[in-house]
């Protein structure tokens, strides 16, 4: 059975896509810790992050880097924090979260986002990719 992330990749569930390539798909979290919170997922459905093949792991951060840099241009923050929790969906994923303090990197801060806000943030991040 496909995970919700696989359904997003396949277009069965809508998302606010940031970018994708043949290995990865990045989109805004609908229950963000902070505005701009982006999920980066492999297109292969593997539950545990460190069960991914080494070549996929080696490509993960180079794919995520321009997204994180674009988030920093769009969302006021000290930096973009990284988190691999992986308990809520059985599909390996990396959280890119704009933060000001380490305390900001907590799911207790998560709340449902307005779809219009997500659309505007996604466009702004897309417009700042590779700039």
N, C-alpha and C. Protein backbone atom coordinates (compact mmCIF):
# COMPACT_ATOMS: atom_id res chain seq x y z
N UNK A 1 0.84 -1.18 0.00
CA UNK A 1 0.00 0.00 0.00
C UNK A 1 0.89 1.25 0.00
N UNK A 2 0.56 2.20 -0.83
CA UNK A 2 1.35 3.43 -0.97
C UNK A 2 1.18 4.34 0.24
N UNK A 3 2.26 5.02 0.60
CA UNK A 3 2.17 6.01 1.67
C UNK A 3 1.54 7.29 1.12
N UNK A 4 1.16 8.16 2.02
CA UNK A 4 0.62 9.46 1.60
C UNK A 4 1.65 10.23 0.78
N UNK A 5 2.93 10.06 1.08
CA UNK A 5 3.97 10.75 0.31
C UNK A 5 4.06 10.21 -1.12
N UNK A 6 3.92 8.91 -1.29
CA UNK A 6 3.92 8.34 -2.64
C UNK A 6 2.72 8.85 -3.42
N UNK A 7 1.58 8.98 -2.75
CA UNK A 7 0.38 9.52 -3.40
C UNK A 7 0.60 10.98 -3.81
N UNK A 8 1.34 11.73 -3.01
CA UNK A 8 1.68 13.12 -3.36
C UNK A 8 2.60 13.13 -4.58
N UNK A 9 3.63 12.31 -4.57
CA UNK A 9 4.57 12.23 -5.70
C UNK A 9 3.81 11.90 -6.99
N UNK A 10 2.87 10.95 -6.89
CA UNK A 10 2.12 10.50 -8.06
C UNK A 10 1.03 11.47 -8.50
N UNK A 11 0.79 12.53 -7.70
CA UNK A 11 -0.24 13.50 -8.04
C UNK A 11 -1.63 13.10 -7.61
N UNK A 12 -1.76 12.02 -6.85
CA UNK A 12 -3.07 11.58 -6.36
C UNK A 12 -3.58 12.48 -5.24
N UNK A 13 -2.66 13.12 -4.54
CA UNK A 13 -2.98 14.08 -3.48
C UNK A 13 -2.26 15.37 -3.84
N UNK A 14 -2.96 16.51 -3.83
CA UNK A 14 -2.29 17.76 -4.20
C UNK A 14 -1.25 18.17 -3.16
N UNK A 15 -0.26 18.92 -3.63
CA UNK A 15 0.76 19.45 -2.73
C UNK A 15 1.22 20.80 -3.27
N UNK A 16 1.91 21.53 -2.42
CA UNK A 16 2.54 22.78 -2.83
C UNK A 16 4.00 22.45 -3.12
N UNK A 17 4.21 21.92 -4.33
CA UNK A 17 5.53 21.45 -4.74
C UNK A 17 6.50 22.62 -4.84
N UNK A 18 7.70 22.38 -4.35
CA UNK A 18 8.79 23.34 -4.49
C UNK A 18 9.60 22.96 -5.73
N UNK A 19 10.05 21.72 -5.79
CA UNK A 19 10.82 21.24 -6.94
C UNK A 19 10.91 19.72 -6.86
N UNK A 20 11.39 19.13 -7.94
CA UNK A 20 11.63 17.68 -7.96
C UNK A 20 12.68 17.36 -9.01
N UNK A 21 13.24 16.17 -8.89
CA UNK A 21 14.09 15.61 -9.93
C UNK A 21 13.75 14.13 -10.02
N UNK A 22 14.59 13.34 -10.65
CA UNK A 22 14.27 11.92 -10.81
C UNK A 22 14.33 11.14 -9.50
N UNK A 23 15.02 11.66 -8.47
CA UNK A 23 15.16 10.93 -7.20
C UNK A 23 14.33 11.51 -6.05
N UNK A 24 14.06 12.83 -6.08
CA UNK A 24 13.47 13.49 -4.92
C UNK A 24 12.31 14.40 -5.31
N UNK A 25 11.49 14.67 -4.31
CA UNK A 25 10.34 15.56 -4.45
C UNK A 25 10.31 16.42 -3.19
N UNK A 26 10.19 17.73 -3.34
CA UNK A 26 10.15 18.65 -2.20
C UNK A 26 8.84 19.44 -2.25
N UNK A 27 8.19 19.56 -1.10
CA UNK A 27 6.92 20.26 -1.02
C UNK A 27 6.72 20.83 0.38
N UNK A 28 5.84 21.82 0.48
CA UNK A 28 5.57 22.44 1.77
C UNK A 28 4.74 21.52 2.65
N UNK A 29 5.09 21.49 3.92
CA UNK A 29 4.32 20.74 4.92
C UNK A 29 3.01 21.48 5.15
N UNK A 30 1.89 20.76 5.17
CA UNK A 30 0.58 21.41 5.39
C UNK A 30 0.31 21.68 6.87
N UNK A 31 1.15 21.11 7.72
CA UNK A 31 1.09 21.37 9.16
C UNK A 31 2.49 21.80 9.59
N UNK A 32 2.90 22.99 9.16
CA UNK A 32 4.30 23.39 9.35
C UNK A 32 4.65 23.77 10.79
N UNK A 33 5.89 23.54 11.11
CA UNK A 33 6.46 24.03 12.37
C UNK A 33 6.61 25.55 12.27
N UNK A 34 6.96 26.02 11.08
CA UNK A 34 7.12 27.45 10.79
C UNK A 34 6.79 27.65 9.31
N UNK A 35 6.39 28.85 8.92
CA UNK A 35 6.17 29.09 7.49
C UNK A 35 7.44 28.74 6.70
N UNK A 36 7.25 28.06 5.58
CA UNK A 36 8.37 27.64 4.75
C UNK A 36 8.86 26.23 5.04
N UNK A 37 8.32 25.59 6.08
CA UNK A 37 8.69 24.21 6.44
C UNK A 37 8.46 23.32 5.22
N UNK A 38 9.54 22.73 4.74
CA UNK A 38 9.51 21.94 3.51
C UNK A 38 9.92 20.50 3.81
N UNK A 39 9.25 19.57 3.18
CA UNK A 39 9.61 18.16 3.27
C UNK A 39 10.33 17.76 1.99
N UNK A 40 11.43 17.06 2.15
CA UNK A 40 12.18 16.52 1.01
C UNK A 40 12.12 15.01 1.13
N UNK A 41 11.52 14.39 0.11
CA UNK A 41 11.31 12.94 0.17
C UNK A 41 11.92 12.26 -1.05
N UNK A 42 12.42 11.04 -0.84
CA UNK A 42 12.89 10.28 -2.00
C UNK A 42 11.67 9.73 -2.74
N UNK A 43 11.81 9.56 -4.02
CA UNK A 43 10.70 9.01 -4.80
C UNK A 43 10.55 7.51 -4.58
N UNK A 44 11.60 6.88 -4.09
CA UNK A 44 11.51 5.48 -3.72
C UNK A 44 10.89 5.40 -2.33
N UNK A 45 9.98 4.47 -2.15
CA UNK A 45 9.27 4.36 -0.87
C UNK A 45 10.04 3.42 0.06
N UNK A 46 10.78 4.04 0.97
CA UNK A 46 11.55 3.34 2.00
C UNK A 46 11.15 3.97 3.33
N UNK A 47 10.84 3.15 4.33
CA UNK A 47 10.36 3.64 5.61
C UNK A 47 11.44 4.40 6.38
N UNK A 48 12.58 3.81 6.60
CA UNK A 48 13.61 4.38 7.46
C UNK A 48 14.68 5.10 6.64
N UNK A 49 15.00 6.31 7.09
CA UNK A 49 15.94 7.16 6.37
C UNK A 49 17.26 6.45 6.09
N UNK A 50 17.82 5.79 7.08
CA UNK A 50 19.13 5.18 6.91
C UNK A 50 19.06 3.78 6.30
N UNK A 51 17.88 3.36 5.84
CA UNK A 51 17.76 2.18 5.00
C UNK A 51 17.87 2.54 3.52
N UNK A 52 17.91 3.84 3.21
CA UNK A 52 18.10 4.28 1.83
C UNK A 52 19.50 3.87 1.36
N UNK A 53 19.61 3.57 0.07
CA UNK A 53 20.91 3.22 -0.51
C UNK A 53 21.86 4.41 -0.36
N UNK A 54 23.13 4.12 -0.27
CA UNK A 54 24.15 5.15 -0.06
C UNK A 54 24.16 6.22 -1.15
N UNK A 55 23.89 5.83 -2.40
CA UNK A 55 23.89 6.82 -3.47
C UNK A 55 22.74 7.81 -3.32
N UNK A 56 21.60 7.34 -2.81
CA UNK A 56 20.47 8.24 -2.57
C UNK A 56 20.79 9.17 -1.40
N UNK A 57 21.36 8.61 -0.34
CA UNK A 57 21.76 9.44 0.81
C UNK A 57 22.78 10.49 0.38
N UNK A 58 23.71 10.13 -0.49
CA UNK A 58 24.74 11.07 -0.94
C UNK A 58 24.15 12.19 -1.78
N UNK A 59 23.04 11.94 -2.43
CA UNK A 59 22.40 12.96 -3.28
C UNK A 59 21.39 13.82 -2.52
N UNK A 60 21.03 13.41 -1.31
CA UNK A 60 19.98 14.09 -0.55
C UNK A 60 20.32 15.56 -0.26
N UNK A 61 21.44 15.81 0.38
CA UNK A 61 21.77 17.19 0.76
C UNK A 61 22.08 18.08 -0.44
N UNK A 62 22.75 17.59 -1.47
CA UNK A 62 22.91 18.45 -2.65
C UNK A 62 21.57 18.86 -3.27
N UNK A 63 20.57 17.98 -3.20
CA UNK A 63 19.24 18.35 -3.69
C UNK A 63 18.58 19.37 -2.76
N UNK A 64 18.75 19.17 -1.44
CA UNK A 64 18.09 20.03 -0.45
C UNK A 64 18.75 21.40 -0.31
N UNK A 65 20.04 21.50 -0.60
CA UNK A 65 20.78 22.75 -0.37
C UNK A 65 20.16 23.97 -1.06
N UNK A 66 19.88 23.95 -2.36
CA UNK A 66 19.31 25.15 -2.97
C UNK A 66 17.92 25.48 -2.42
N UNK A 67 17.20 24.48 -1.97
CA UNK A 67 15.88 24.72 -1.36
C UNK A 67 16.07 25.46 -0.04
N UNK A 68 17.00 24.99 0.79
CA UNK A 68 17.26 25.65 2.07
C UNK A 68 17.72 27.08 1.86
N UNK A 69 18.59 27.31 0.88
CA UNK A 69 19.07 28.67 0.61
C UNK A 69 17.92 29.56 0.13
N UNK A 70 17.01 29.01 -0.66
CA UNK A 70 15.86 29.77 -1.12
C UNK A 70 14.92 30.09 0.04
N UNK A 71 14.73 29.12 0.94
CA UNK A 71 13.88 29.36 2.12
C UNK A 71 14.45 30.52 2.93
N UNK A 72 15.77 30.54 3.12
CA UNK A 72 16.41 31.61 3.89
C UNK A 72 16.20 32.98 3.25
N UNK A 73 16.08 33.03 1.93
CA UNK A 73 15.84 34.30 1.24
C UNK A 73 14.40 34.77 1.42
N UNK A 74 13.49 33.83 1.62
CA UNK A 74 12.06 34.15 1.66
C UNK A 74 11.52 34.32 3.09
N UNK A 75 11.99 33.50 4.00
CA UNK A 75 11.47 33.48 5.37
C UNK A 75 12.53 34.04 6.32
N UNK A 76 12.20 35.10 7.07
CA UNK A 76 13.16 35.61 8.05
C UNK A 76 13.49 34.52 9.09
N UNK A 77 14.77 34.17 9.17
CA UNK A 77 15.19 33.14 10.11
C UNK A 77 16.69 33.25 10.34
N UNK A 78 17.16 32.60 11.39
CA UNK A 78 18.59 32.55 11.66
C UNK A 78 19.27 31.56 10.72
N UNK A 79 18.56 30.44 10.44
CA UNK A 79 19.03 29.40 9.54
C UNK A 79 17.90 28.43 9.26
N UNK A 80 18.15 27.49 8.37
CA UNK A 80 17.19 26.42 8.12
C UNK A 80 17.71 25.19 8.86
N UNK A 81 16.90 24.73 9.82
CA UNK A 81 17.24 23.54 10.58
C UNK A 81 16.84 22.29 9.82
N UNK A 82 17.55 21.21 10.07
CA UNK A 82 17.26 19.92 9.45
C UNK A 82 16.80 18.95 10.51
N UNK A 83 15.80 18.14 10.15
CA UNK A 83 15.35 17.13 11.10
C UNK A 83 14.91 15.88 10.33
N UNK A 84 15.35 14.75 10.82
CA UNK A 84 14.86 13.46 10.33
C UNK A 84 14.20 12.80 11.53
N UNK A 85 12.88 12.81 11.54
CA UNK A 85 12.15 12.18 12.64
C UNK A 85 11.55 10.88 12.11
N UNK A 86 10.72 11.01 11.07
CA UNK A 86 10.24 9.84 10.36
C UNK A 86 9.26 8.94 11.06
N UNK A 87 8.60 9.42 12.09
CA UNK A 87 7.65 8.57 12.80
C UNK A 87 6.22 8.74 12.31
N UNK A 88 5.90 9.91 11.77
CA UNK A 88 4.52 10.19 11.41
C UNK A 88 4.09 9.59 10.08
N UNK A 89 5.01 9.38 9.16
CA UNK A 89 4.71 8.76 7.85
C UNK A 89 5.81 7.73 7.58
N UNK A 90 5.44 6.49 7.25
CA UNK A 90 6.46 5.46 7.00
C UNK A 90 7.10 5.58 5.62
N UNK A 91 7.69 6.73 5.39
CA UNK A 91 8.38 7.03 4.12
C UNK A 91 9.50 8.00 4.50
N UNK A 92 10.73 7.63 4.26
CA UNK A 92 11.88 8.45 4.64
C UNK A 92 11.67 9.89 4.19
N UNK A 93 12.00 10.83 5.07
CA UNK A 93 11.87 12.23 4.69
C UNK A 93 12.72 13.12 5.58
N UNK A 94 13.10 14.26 4.98
CA UNK A 94 13.91 15.27 5.64
C UNK A 94 13.07 16.53 5.79
N UNK A 95 13.04 17.09 6.99
CA UNK A 95 12.35 18.35 7.25
C UNK A 95 13.36 19.49 7.12
N UNK A 96 13.03 20.51 6.35
CA UNK A 96 13.79 21.76 6.28
C UNK A 96 12.91 22.82 6.95
N UNK A 97 13.37 23.33 8.10
CA UNK A 97 12.53 24.22 8.89
C UNK A 97 13.27 25.52 9.19
N UNK A 98 12.68 26.67 8.79
CA UNK A 98 13.29 27.95 9.16
C UNK A 98 13.22 28.12 10.68
N UNK A 99 14.36 28.42 11.30
CA UNK A 99 14.38 28.57 12.77
C UNK A 99 15.18 29.80 13.18
N UNK A 100 14.88 30.28 14.36
CA UNK A 100 15.64 31.36 15.00
C UNK A 100 16.42 30.83 16.20
N UNK A 101 15.81 29.82 16.86
CA UNK A 101 16.46 29.17 18.01
C UNK A 101 16.25 27.67 17.89
N UNK A 102 17.01 26.89 18.66
CA UNK A 102 16.86 25.44 18.63
C UNK A 102 15.48 25.03 19.10
N UNK A 103 14.87 25.82 19.97
CA UNK A 103 13.52 25.52 20.45
C UNK A 103 12.46 25.59 19.37
N UNK A 104 12.77 26.29 18.28
CA UNK A 104 11.82 26.39 17.17
C UNK A 104 11.68 25.07 16.42
N UNK A 105 12.63 24.19 16.57
CA UNK A 105 12.63 22.92 15.84
C UNK A 105 11.87 21.86 16.65
N UNK A 106 10.58 22.11 16.81
CA UNK A 106 9.75 21.24 17.64
C UNK A 106 8.36 21.10 17.01
N UNK A 107 7.88 19.89 16.96
CA UNK A 107 6.54 19.65 16.41
C UNK A 107 5.43 20.22 17.28
N UNK A 108 5.74 20.63 18.50
CA UNK A 108 4.71 21.27 19.33
C UNK A 108 4.32 22.62 18.73
N UNK A 109 5.16 23.17 17.86
CA UNK A 109 4.87 24.44 17.19
C UNK A 109 4.03 24.26 15.92
N UNK A 110 3.81 23.02 15.49
CA UNK A 110 3.12 22.76 14.23
C UNK A 110 1.63 23.07 14.33
N UNK A 111 1.12 23.67 13.26
CA UNK A 111 -0.32 23.91 13.17
C UNK A 111 -0.72 23.96 11.71
N UNK A 112 -1.98 23.64 11.40
CA UNK A 112 -2.42 23.65 10.00
C UNK A 112 -2.20 25.02 9.36
N UNK A 113 -1.79 25.00 8.11
CA UNK A 113 -1.51 26.24 7.39
C UNK A 113 -2.66 26.59 6.46
N UNK A 114 -2.79 27.86 6.19
CA UNK A 114 -3.74 28.38 5.23
C UNK A 114 -3.24 28.05 3.82
N UNK A 115 -4.10 27.51 2.97
CA UNK A 115 -3.69 27.09 1.62
C UNK A 115 -3.19 28.26 0.77
N UNK A 116 -3.79 29.42 0.94
CA UNK A 116 -3.34 30.60 0.19
C UNK A 116 -1.94 30.99 0.62
N UNK A 117 -1.68 30.94 1.93
CA UNK A 117 -0.33 31.24 2.43
C UNK A 117 0.68 30.25 1.88
N UNK A 118 0.31 28.95 1.88
CA UNK A 118 1.21 27.93 1.36
C UNK A 118 1.52 28.18 -0.11
N UNK A 119 0.52 28.53 -0.89
CA UNK A 119 0.72 28.80 -2.31
C UNK A 119 1.68 29.96 -2.53
N UNK A 120 1.50 31.02 -1.75
CA UNK A 120 2.38 32.20 -1.89
C UNK A 120 3.81 31.88 -1.47
N UNK A 121 3.96 31.14 -0.39
CA UNK A 121 5.31 30.76 0.08
C UNK A 121 5.98 29.85 -0.94
N UNK A 122 5.24 28.88 -1.48
CA UNK A 122 5.82 27.97 -2.47
C UNK A 122 6.33 28.73 -3.69
N UNK A 123 5.54 29.67 -4.16
CA UNK A 123 5.95 30.47 -5.33
C UNK A 123 7.20 31.28 -5.00
N UNK A 124 7.23 31.89 -3.82
CA UNK A 124 8.39 32.70 -3.43
C UNK A 124 9.65 31.83 -3.34
N UNK A 125 9.54 30.64 -2.76
CA UNK A 125 10.70 29.76 -2.66
C UNK A 125 11.14 29.31 -4.06
N UNK A 126 10.19 28.92 -4.89
CA UNK A 126 10.52 28.51 -6.27
C UNK A 126 11.25 29.62 -7.01
N UNK A 127 10.79 30.86 -6.83
CA UNK A 127 11.40 32.00 -7.51
C UNK A 127 12.81 32.29 -7.03
N UNK A 128 13.17 31.76 -5.86
CA UNK A 128 14.50 32.01 -5.32
C UNK A 128 15.44 30.80 -5.42
N UNK A 129 14.98 29.73 -6.04
CA UNK A 129 15.85 28.57 -6.23
C UNK A 129 16.99 28.92 -7.17
N UNK A 130 18.18 28.50 -6.80
CA UNK A 130 19.39 28.67 -7.64
C UNK A 130 19.70 30.12 -7.99
N UNK A 131 19.36 31.03 -7.11
CA UNK A 131 19.71 32.45 -7.33
C UNK A 131 20.86 32.85 -6.45
